[in-house]
Protein backbone atom coordinates (compact mmCIF):
# COMPACT_ATOMS: atom_id res chain seq x y z
CA MET A 1 -58.36 0.78 51.46
CA ASP A 2 -57.93 2.41 48.07
CA PHE A 3 -56.73 -0.28 45.68
CA ASN A 4 -56.04 2.35 43.01
CA LYS A 5 -53.13 3.80 45.10
CA VAL A 6 -49.77 2.24 45.70
CA LEU A 7 -46.65 3.21 47.69
CA VAL A 8 -43.48 4.10 45.79
CA GLU A 9 -40.24 4.12 47.75
CA THR A 10 -37.51 6.09 46.15
CA VAL A 11 -33.86 6.13 47.36
CA VAL A 12 -31.02 8.17 45.78
CA CYS A 13 -27.65 7.01 46.99
CA THR A 14 -23.93 6.51 46.10
CA GLY A 15 -21.44 3.84 46.99
CA ALA A 16 -18.32 4.59 49.06
CA ASP A 17 -15.05 5.01 47.12
CA GLY A 18 -13.68 1.68 46.04
CA LYS A 19 -16.90 -0.12 46.95
CA GLY A 20 -19.02 0.74 43.95
CA ALA A 21 -19.25 -2.71 42.37
CA ARG A 22 -20.13 -4.32 45.73
CA PHE A 23 -22.66 -1.62 46.48
CA LYS A 24 -24.41 -2.15 43.11
CA ARG A 25 -24.52 -6.01 43.64
CA MET A 26 -26.00 -5.47 47.15
CA LEU A 27 -28.60 -3.04 45.65
CA GLU A 28 -29.51 -5.52 42.97
CA ALA A 29 -29.80 -8.40 45.48
CA ARG A 30 -32.24 -6.37 47.61
CA GLN A 31 -34.36 -5.43 44.61
CA GLU A 32 -34.50 -9.07 43.48
CA PHE A 33 -35.45 -10.13 46.95
CA LYS A 34 -38.23 -7.58 47.02
CA ARG A 35 -39.62 -8.68 43.68
CA ARG A 36 -40.06 -12.20 44.99
CA GLN A 37 -42.20 -11.04 47.97
CA ASP A 38 -45.95 -10.74 48.08
CA GLY A 39 -46.94 -7.11 48.27
CA CYS A 40 -44.07 -5.88 46.02
CA ILE A 41 -45.37 -4.89 42.59
CA ALA A 42 -42.04 -3.95 41.05
CA ALA A 43 -38.46 -3.05 42.13
CA TRP A 44 -35.53 -1.75 40.09
CA ILE A 45 -32.34 0.31 40.16
CA GLY A 46 -30.96 2.83 37.79
CA GLN A 47 -27.33 4.13 37.63
CA SER A 48 -26.42 7.64 36.64
CA ILE A 49 -25.14 8.11 33.12
CA ASP A 50 -22.31 10.56 34.18
CA GLY A 51 -20.14 7.80 35.83
CA GLN A 52 -20.38 9.27 39.31
CA GLY A 53 -21.79 6.08 40.89
CA LEU A 54 -25.13 7.64 41.76
CA PHE A 55 -28.07 5.25 41.98
CA ILE A 56 -31.85 5.64 42.04
CA VAL A 57 -33.51 2.65 43.73
CA GLN A 58 -37.31 2.39 43.40
CA SER A 59 -39.88 -0.08 44.61
CA VAL A 60 -43.63 -0.18 44.29
CA PHE A 61 -45.65 -1.78 47.06
CA THR A 62 -49.34 -2.59 47.35
CA ASP A 63 -49.54 -0.94 50.87
CA LYS A 64 -47.66 0.23 53.93
CA LYS A 65 -48.02 -3.11 55.65
CA SER A 66 -46.24 -4.90 52.77
CA TRP A 67 -43.48 -2.30 52.68
CA LYS A 68 -42.85 -2.73 56.39
CA LYS A 69 -42.90 -6.58 56.20
CA ILE A 70 -40.55 -6.68 53.18
CA SER A 71 -38.16 -4.08 54.73
CA GLN A 72 -38.00 -6.13 57.95
CA ALA A 73 -37.32 -9.24 56.03
CA ILE A 74 -34.39 -7.54 54.23
CA THR A 75 -33.00 -6.54 57.65
CA ASP A 76 -33.48 -10.00 59.16
CA ILE A 77 -32.20 -12.02 56.18
CA LEU A 78 -30.01 -10.07 53.85
CA ASP A 79 -28.42 -7.62 56.30
CA THR A 80 -27.47 -10.44 58.70
CA LYS A 81 -25.74 -12.23 55.77
CA ASP A 82 -23.76 -9.38 54.16
CA GLY A 83 -23.58 -6.71 56.92
CA GLY A 84 -26.10 -4.26 55.40
CA LEU A 85 -25.63 -1.28 53.14
CA GLU A 86 -24.39 1.12 55.73
CA SER A 87 -20.75 0.07 55.32
CA VAL A 88 -20.81 0.61 51.54
CA PHE A 89 -22.83 3.89 51.37
CA GLY A 90 -20.86 6.89 50.07
CA GLY A 91 -22.94 9.21 52.21
CA PRO A 92 -26.46 9.41 53.65
CA PRO A 93 -29.07 8.28 51.14
CA LEU A 94 -32.05 10.54 50.21
CA VAL A 95 -35.24 8.45 50.92
CA GLY A 96 -38.82 9.18 50.16
CA MET A 97 -42.13 7.38 50.34
CA PHE A 98 -44.90 8.46 47.98
CA GLU A 99 -48.51 7.47 47.57
CA VAL A 100 -49.19 7.26 43.77
CA GLN A 101 -52.37 6.69 41.77
CA LEU A 102 -51.95 3.32 40.03
CA GLU A 103 -53.01 4.84 36.64
CA ALA A 104 -49.97 7.17 36.90
CA LEU A 105 -47.69 4.19 36.60
CA MET A 106 -49.25 2.92 33.38
CA ILE A 107 -47.26 3.75 30.25
CA PRO A 108 -49.47 4.34 27.20
CA ASP A 109 -48.63 2.12 24.20
CA SER A 110 -47.91 5.25 22.11
CA ALA A 111 -44.92 6.07 24.36
CA HIS A 112 -43.14 2.90 23.25
CA SER A 113 -42.94 3.98 19.55
């Protein structure tokens, strides 16, 4: 196993009309859940600045096994409580899983100035 590589899950999605606030809360709950699990390095969401309700949802995992375990836990725990995201999606999400060199995620101090 190469410990210098991590998996980055990226989802681009929108909430259904009239369900944007609930959709955002559900996304935030899932990212918070991920952050509390072993094997998740980081998880966040970002909302588009144009007011269209478009979100990017990203999570960084140590490996594929952790991603699968955490994804299954979300299905088993959160989806059974709130019915899952399918009912609040505004359309099919665009999903990608990427292998990234860990150094690529490090932001140099000079970028913060």
